[in-house]
Amino acid sequence: MPVCQSCNQKWTWKQTVKKSFTLDTAMPCPHCSQKQYVTSRARKRSALLTMIIPFLIFIPFFFDVNIFTALGLYLAAGMGIMLIYPFLVELSSQEEHLW
């Protein structure tokens, strides 16, 4: 779970998911309200993780599965990524460039 760089408090899974659904790059810490940013390393890891779903689209073309099985697989992958994402988040007090 991410740790605030200002107050060193560990965020819960629920707080991390809730703060991740904002359009702003800064996420205020639920404990001290200081702005925190996801590190570039964590953003790269989460981008690689989300690239799994587009590749799953091709499974019905290579394997003999019906559409309901494929949809179940897509939903399971999406839920799995959503469950794993908070464990990959690292926070920084300063915004970092992606590259």
Protein backbone atom coordinates (compact mmCIF):
# COMPACT_ATOMS: atom_id res chain seq x y z
CA MET A 1 0.00 0.00 0.00
CA PRO A 2 1.21 3.53 -0.63
CA VAL A 3 2.75 5.59 2.15
CA CYS A 4 2.40 9.38 2.34
CA GLN A 5 5.76 11.07 1.97
CA SER A 6 4.69 13.95 4.24
CA CYS A 7 3.22 12.18 7.27
CA ASN A 8 4.47 8.59 6.66
CA GLN A 9 0.94 7.21 7.12
CA LYS A 10 0.00 4.12 5.16
CA TRP A 11 -3.10 4.44 2.98
CA THR A 12 -5.73 1.72 3.01
CA TRP A 13 -6.77 -0.17 -0.11
CA LYS A 14 -10.11 1.66 -0.16
CA GLN A 15 -8.51 5.10 0.21
CA THR A 16 -6.06 4.34 -2.60
CA VAL A 17 -8.77 3.21 -5.00
CA LYS A 18 -10.98 6.17 -4.13
CA LYS A 19 -8.15 8.69 -4.66
CA SER A 20 -7.15 7.01 -7.93
CA PHE A 21 -10.46 7.88 -9.59
CA THR A 22 -9.71 11.60 -9.75
CA LEU A 23 -8.78 13.48 -12.91
CA ASP A 24 -6.20 15.58 -11.06
CA THR A 25 -2.66 14.17 -10.92
CA ALA A 26 -2.38 15.19 -7.26
CA MET A 27 -4.08 13.02 -4.65
CA PRO A 28 -4.55 14.63 -1.24
CA CYS A 29 -3.46 12.46 1.64
CA PRO A 30 -6.48 11.35 3.72
CA HIS A 31 -4.43 11.87 6.91
CA CYS A 32 -2.58 15.18 6.43
CA SER A 33 -4.24 16.56 3.24
CA GLN A 34 -0.86 17.21 1.59
CA LYS A 35 -0.77 16.66 -2.17
CA GLN A 36 0.78 13.37 -3.18
CA TYR A 37 1.68 12.21 -6.68
CA VAL A 38 2.07 8.72 -8.12
CA THR A 39 5.72 8.11 -9.00
CA SER A 40 6.72 7.62 -12.62
CA ARG A 41 7.87 4.08 -11.81
CA ALA A 42 4.42 3.19 -10.45
CA ARG A 43 2.68 4.78 -13.45
CA LYS A 44 4.81 2.70 -15.83
CA ARG A 45 3.99 -0.51 -13.95
CA SER A 46 0.26 0.23 -13.93
CA ALA A 47 0.35 1.06 -17.66
CA LEU A 48 1.95 -2.31 -18.38
CA LEU A 49 -0.64 -4.03 -16.22
CA THR A 50 -3.55 -2.40 -18.04
CA MET A 51 -2.10 -3.46 -21.40
CA ILE A 52 -3.19 -7.01 -20.55
CA ILE A 53 -6.83 -6.26 -21.36
CA PRO A 54 -6.34 -5.23 -25.02
CA PHE A 55 -4.37 -8.43 -25.60
CA LEU A 56 -7.23 -10.48 -24.14
CA ILE A 57 -9.47 -9.25 -26.95
CA PHE A 58 -7.63 -11.59 -29.33
CA ILE A 59 -8.26 -14.75 -27.28
CA PRO A 60 -11.49 -15.69 -29.13
CA PHE A 61 -9.57 -15.52 -32.43
CA PHE A 62 -6.91 -17.99 -31.31
CA PHE A 63 -8.93 -20.29 -29.05
CA ASP A 64 -12.35 -21.83 -29.46
CA VAL A 65 -14.28 -19.98 -26.74
CA ASN A 66 -17.76 -18.53 -26.84
CA ILE A 67 -18.48 -14.85 -26.29
CA PHE A 68 -19.71 -15.35 -22.72
CA THR A 69 -16.51 -17.06 -21.69
CA ALA A 70 -14.51 -14.23 -23.26
CA LEU A 71 -16.62 -11.60 -21.50
CA GLY A 72 -16.13 -13.42 -18.20
CA LEU A 73 -12.40 -13.45 -18.81
CA TYR A 74 -12.40 -9.70 -19.56
CA LEU A 75 -14.36 -8.95 -16.40
CA ALA A 76 -12.14 -11.18 -14.28
CA ALA A 77 -9.00 -9.54 -15.68
CA GLY A 78 -10.43 -6.06 -15.06
CA MET A 79 -11.39 -6.92 -11.49
CA GLY A 80 -7.99 -8.51 -10.90
CA ILE A 81 -6.20 -5.41 -12.14
CA MET A 82 -8.39 -3.21 -9.95
CA LEU A 83 -7.61 -5.39 -6.91
CA ILE A 84 -3.85 -5.38 -7.59
CA TYR A 85 -3.44 -1.71 -8.56
CA PRO A 86 -3.36 -0.22 -5.00
CA PHE A 87 -0.45 -2.50 -4.12
CA LEU A 88 1.58 -1.06 -7.02
CA VAL A 89 1.07 2.61 -6.14
CA GLU A 90 4.05 4.53 -4.80
CA LEU A 91 3.70 8.15 -3.74
CA SER A 92 5.96 11.17 -3.99
CA SER A 93 5.61 14.70 -2.65
CA GLN A 94 6.71 16.08 -6.02
CA GLU A 95 5.27 15.41 -9.45
CA GLU A 96 7.62 13.40 -11.64
CA HIS A 97 7.76 13.26 -15.41
CA LEU A 98 6.84 9.94 -16.96
CA TRP A 99 10.11 9.63 -18.88
